[in-house]
Amino acid sequence: MSTLQTGSLFIVSAPSGAGKTTLVRGLLDSDSGVHLSISFTTRSPRAGETHGVHYHFTTEEDFLTRRERGEFVESALVHGNYYATSRIWLEEQLQAGNDVLLEIDWQGAEQVRKVFPRAISIFIMPPSLEELEKRLVGRGTDSAETIARRLAAACTEMRQVDRFDYVIINKELQLAIDELGTLVRAARLRTPLVRARKPASFLPVD
């Protein structure tokens, strides 16, 4: 990856129920310059899901072949199905000057940062565990056992917050969306990126 990447890669992670998907959707609705990375998966499409929009659906054979060729920046086996992020697509987007957002768990974020060390990592936190439990119960879709399991997993995930560059506490939705947008806009002003995009504005490097 010797070519200068003039786009920014944003990694957003959060425990279940912290509101990550809603925040990301709010950012994408307000900033057309951010492109959401679409993962590969071997699971079957669910009702309403579209290939190339929600996921790149593929067979296990094709997935493992791509992984062997080094096409993925990270991959994981979850509940019997494989998931991965395309390294090739990320590189193409960043080198074209596009900003990319990747929704992923903290373990996947660790893998991505090894390949893209300039990636900007953001962790979304709930205001408290009590509020997180309230949100999970309020969904009305999970059993008490499932909620307890999600809360336990959330505690493990929240302990990883210091691995991330920034943290947003999602107490007020619009404020959290605005804070996420602020990080994106600030990243676009990093000196190496501005120099690469607008070289005529700079004096020659000694």
Protein backbone atom coordinates (compact mmCIF):
# COMPACT_ATOMS: atom_id res chain seq x y z
CA MET A 1 0.00 0.00 0.00
CA SER A 2 2.63 2.49 -1.04
CA THR A 3 0.13 4.80 -2.73
CA LEU A 4 -0.89 7.69 -0.48
CA GLN A 5 -4.42 7.15 0.78
CA THR A 6 -6.22 10.48 0.79
CA GLY A 7 -9.44 9.08 2.21
CA SER A 8 -10.05 8.33 5.89
CA LEU A 9 -11.11 5.03 7.39
CA PHE A 10 -13.41 5.21 10.42
CA ILE A 11 -13.95 2.17 12.62
CA VAL A 12 -17.07 2.31 14.80
CA SER A 13 -17.62 -0.27 17.53
CA ALA A 14 -20.13 -0.58 20.37
CA PRO A 15 -21.85 -3.11 22.60
CA SER A 16 -25.30 -4.30 21.55
CA GLY A 17 -27.92 -1.73 22.45
CA ALA A 18 -25.60 1.28 22.54
CA GLY A 19 -27.20 2.72 19.39
CA LYS A 20 -24.30 2.30 16.96
CA THR A 21 -26.45 1.50 13.92
CA THR A 22 -28.74 4.48 14.55
CA LEU A 23 -25.76 6.83 14.94
CA VAL A 24 -24.12 5.55 11.77
CA ARG A 25 -27.36 5.91 9.84
CA GLY A 26 -27.69 9.47 11.10
CA LEU A 27 -24.16 10.26 9.95
CA LEU A 28 -24.67 8.72 6.51
CA ASP A 29 -27.92 10.65 6.05
CA SER A 30 -26.18 13.95 6.83
CA ASP A 31 -22.82 13.36 5.10
CA SER A 32 -22.87 11.88 1.60
CA GLY A 33 -19.07 11.82 1.58
CA VAL A 34 -18.93 8.83 3.91
CA HIS A 35 -19.27 5.37 2.37
CA LEU A 36 -20.33 2.37 4.45
CA SER A 37 -18.25 -0.77 4.05
CA ILE A 38 -20.37 -3.79 3.08
CA SER A 39 -19.25 -7.09 4.63
CA PHE A 40 -19.03 -10.50 2.99
CA THR A 41 -20.97 -13.33 4.64
CA THR A 42 -21.77 -16.97 4.02
CA ARG A 43 -25.16 -16.84 5.77
CA SER A 44 -28.37 -16.76 3.76
CA PRO A 45 -30.13 -13.42 3.15
CA ARG A 46 -32.92 -12.58 5.56
CA ALA A 47 -36.25 -11.10 4.50
CA GLY A 48 -35.69 -7.63 3.07
CA GLU A 49 -31.92 -7.98 2.68
CA THR A 50 -30.34 -7.22 -0.70
CA HIS A 51 -27.05 -8.53 -2.06
CA GLY A 52 -24.50 -5.73 -2.31
CA VAL A 53 -26.56 -3.42 -0.09
CA HIS A 54 -26.75 -5.15 3.27
CA TYR A 55 -24.07 -7.80 2.67
CA HIS A 56 -22.14 -9.46 -0.12
CA PHE A 57 -23.68 -12.92 0.18
CA THR A 58 -21.44 -15.74 -0.97
CA THR A 59 -20.75 -19.45 -0.57
CA GLU A 60 -18.38 -20.87 2.01
CA GLU A 61 -16.13 -22.18 -0.78
CA ASP A 62 -15.87 -18.74 -2.41
CA PHE A 63 -15.35 -17.08 0.98
CA LEU A 64 -12.49 -19.38 1.98
CA THR A 65 -10.88 -18.97 -1.45
CA ARG A 66 -10.98 -15.18 -1.12
CA ARG A 67 -9.56 -15.37 2.40
CA GLU A 68 -6.73 -17.62 1.24
CA ARG A 69 -5.88 -15.07 -1.48
CA GLY A 70 -5.62 -12.36 1.19
CA GLU A 71 -8.65 -10.39 -0.02
CA PHE A 72 -9.98 -9.77 3.48
CA VAL A 73 -8.59 -7.40 6.11
CA GLU A 74 -10.41 -9.27 8.86
CA SER A 75 -12.71 -12.25 9.16
CA ALA A 76 -14.62 -14.14 11.83
CA LEU A 77 -16.77 -17.22 12.27
CA VAL A 78 -19.99 -16.28 14.09
CA HIS A 79 -22.73 -18.80 14.89
CA GLY A 80 -21.57 -21.09 12.08
CA ASN A 81 -21.31 -18.39 9.40
CA TYR A 82 -18.29 -16.49 8.12
CA TYR A 83 -18.09 -12.69 7.97
CA ALA A 84 -15.31 -10.52 6.55
CA THR A 85 -14.31 -7.06 5.33
CA SER A 86 -12.77 -6.61 1.89
CA ARG A 87 -9.21 -5.29 2.04
CA ILE A 88 -9.15 -4.68 -1.71
CA TRP A 89 -12.30 -2.51 -1.66
CA LEU A 90 -11.05 -0.50 1.32
CA GLU A 91 -7.72 0.22 -0.37
CA GLU A 92 -9.41 1.28 -3.61
CA GLN A 93 -11.78 3.62 -1.81
CA LEU A 94 -9.12 5.23 0.38
CA GLN A 95 -6.70 5.71 -2.51
CA ALA A 96 -9.53 7.34 -4.50
CA GLY A 97 -9.93 9.87 -1.68
CA ASN A 98 -13.19 8.46 -0.34
CA ASP A 99 -14.00 8.30 3.37
CA VAL A 100 -15.13 4.87 4.53
CA LEU A 101 -16.91 3.80 7.71
CA LEU A 102 -16.65 0.28 9.05
CA GLU A 103 -19.05 -1.08 11.69
CA ILE A 104 -17.28 -3.88 13.49
CA ASP A 105 -16.65 -5.37 16.93
CA TRP A 106 -13.53 -4.52 18.94
CA GLN A 107 -11.71 -7.72 17.94
CA GLY A 108 -12.24 -7.02 14.26
CA ALA A 109 -11.13 -3.44 14.86
CA GLU A 110 -7.81 -4.76 16.19
CA GLN A 111 -7.28 -6.75 12.98
CA VAL A 112 -8.15 -3.78 10.76
CA ARG A 113 -5.77 -1.40 12.55
CA LYS A 114 -2.85 -3.75 11.89
CA VAL A 115 -3.39 -3.28 8.15
CA PHE A 116 -4.65 0.32 8.26
CA PRO A 117 -2.74 1.93 11.17
CA ARG A 118 -4.06 5.41 10.29
CA ALA A 119 -7.65 4.29 10.76
CA ILE A 120 -9.65 6.38 13.23
CA SER A 121 -11.37 4.21 15.82
CA ILE A 122 -14.50 5.33 17.65
CA PHE A 123 -16.29 3.50 20.46
CA ILE A 124 -19.97 4.16 21.21
CA MET A 125 -20.89 3.85 24.90
CA PRO A 126 -24.31 3.80 26.57
CA PRO A 127 -24.78 6.32 29.40
CA SER A 128 -24.76 3.44 31.91
CA LEU A 129 -25.32 -0.29 32.20
CA GLU A 130 -28.74 0.43 33.68
CA GLU A 131 -29.71 2.47 30.61
CA LEU A 132 -28.32 -0.25 28.33
CA GLU A 133 -30.45 -2.89 30.06
CA LYS A 134 -33.48 -0.62 29.76
CA ARG A 135 -32.91 -0.25 26.01
CA LEU A 136 -32.47 -3.99 25.49
CA VAL A 137 -35.64 -4.76 27.45
CA GLY A 138 -37.47 -2.01 25.56
CA ARG A 139 -36.82 -3.71 22.25
CA GLY A 140 -39.22 -6.46 23.28
CA THR A 141 -37.48 -8.98 21.02
CA ASP A 142 -35.24 -10.90 23.43
CA SER A 143 -35.82 -13.24 26.33
CA ALA A 144 -34.53 -12.44 29.81
CA GLU A 145 -31.78 -15.02 29.28
CA THR A 146 -30.70 -13.41 26.01
CA ILE A 147 -30.70 -9.95 27.58
CA ALA A 148 -28.54 -11.19 30.47
CA ARG A 149 -26.13 -12.70 27.96
CA ARG A 150 -25.98 -9.47 25.96
CA LEU A 151 -25.31 -7.44 29.10
CA ALA A 152 -22.47 -9.74 30.08
CA ALA A 153 -20.99 -9.43 26.59
CA ALA A 154 -21.43 -5.64 26.76
CA CYS A 155 -19.35 -5.49 29.94
CA THR A 156 -16.53 -7.32 28.18
CA GLU A 157 -16.76 -5.02 25.16
CA MET A 158 -16.93 -1.81 27.21
CA ARG A 159 -13.69 -2.75 28.97
CA GLN A 160 -11.95 -2.41 25.57
CA VAL A 161 -12.79 1.30 25.24
CA ASP A 162 -9.20 2.44 25.90
CA ARG A 163 -8.09 0.68 22.72
CA PHE A 164 -10.01 3.30 20.71
CA ASP A 165 -9.02 6.82 19.69
CA TYR A 166 -12.35 8.41 20.59
CA VAL A 167 -15.43 7.61 22.66
CA ILE A 168 -18.95 8.94 22.22
CA ILE A 169 -21.46 8.48 25.04
CA ASN A 170 -24.85 8.06 23.39
CA LYS A 171 -27.16 9.73 25.90
CA GLU A 172 -28.82 12.24 23.56
CA LEU A 173 -29.14 10.85 20.03
CA GLN A 174 -28.77 14.05 18.00
CA LEU A 175 -25.83 15.23 20.10
CA ALA A 176 -24.10 11.88 19.58
CA ILE A 177 -24.71 12.05 15.82
CA ASP A 178 -23.27 15.58 15.78
CA GLU A 179 -20.20 14.42 17.71
CA LEU A 180 -19.63 11.58 15.25
CA GLY A 181 -19.90 14.05 12.37
CA THR A 182 -17.43 16.37 14.09
CA LEU A 183 -14.83 13.60 14.22
CA VAL A 184 -15.33 12.86 10.53
CA ARG A 185 -14.98 16.51 9.52
CA ALA A 186 -11.90 17.01 11.69
CA ALA A 187 -10.20 13.96 10.17
CA ARG A 188 -10.52 15.49 6.72
CA LEU A 189 -8.34 18.39 7.88
CA ARG A 190 -5.33 16.28 8.85
CA THR A 191 -2.22 17.87 7.36
CA PRO A 192 -1.03 14.95 5.17
CA LEU A 193 -4.46 14.59 3.59
CA VAL A 194 -4.94 18.29 2.91
CA ARG A 195 -1.42 18.51 1.49
CA ALA A 196 -2.13 15.61 -0.86
CA ARG A 197 -5.50 16.99 -1.96
CA LYS A 198 -4.47 20.64 -2.31
CA PRO A 199 -0.71 20.68 -2.99
CA ALA A 200 -0.83 24.15 -4.58
CA SER A 201 -1.65 25.63 -1.16
CA PHE A 202 1.63 24.41 0.37
CA LEU A 203 5.22 25.50 0.09
CA PRO A 204 7.66 22.89 -1.27
CA VAL A 205 8.92 20.40 1.30
CA ASP A 206 12.59 20.99 2.16
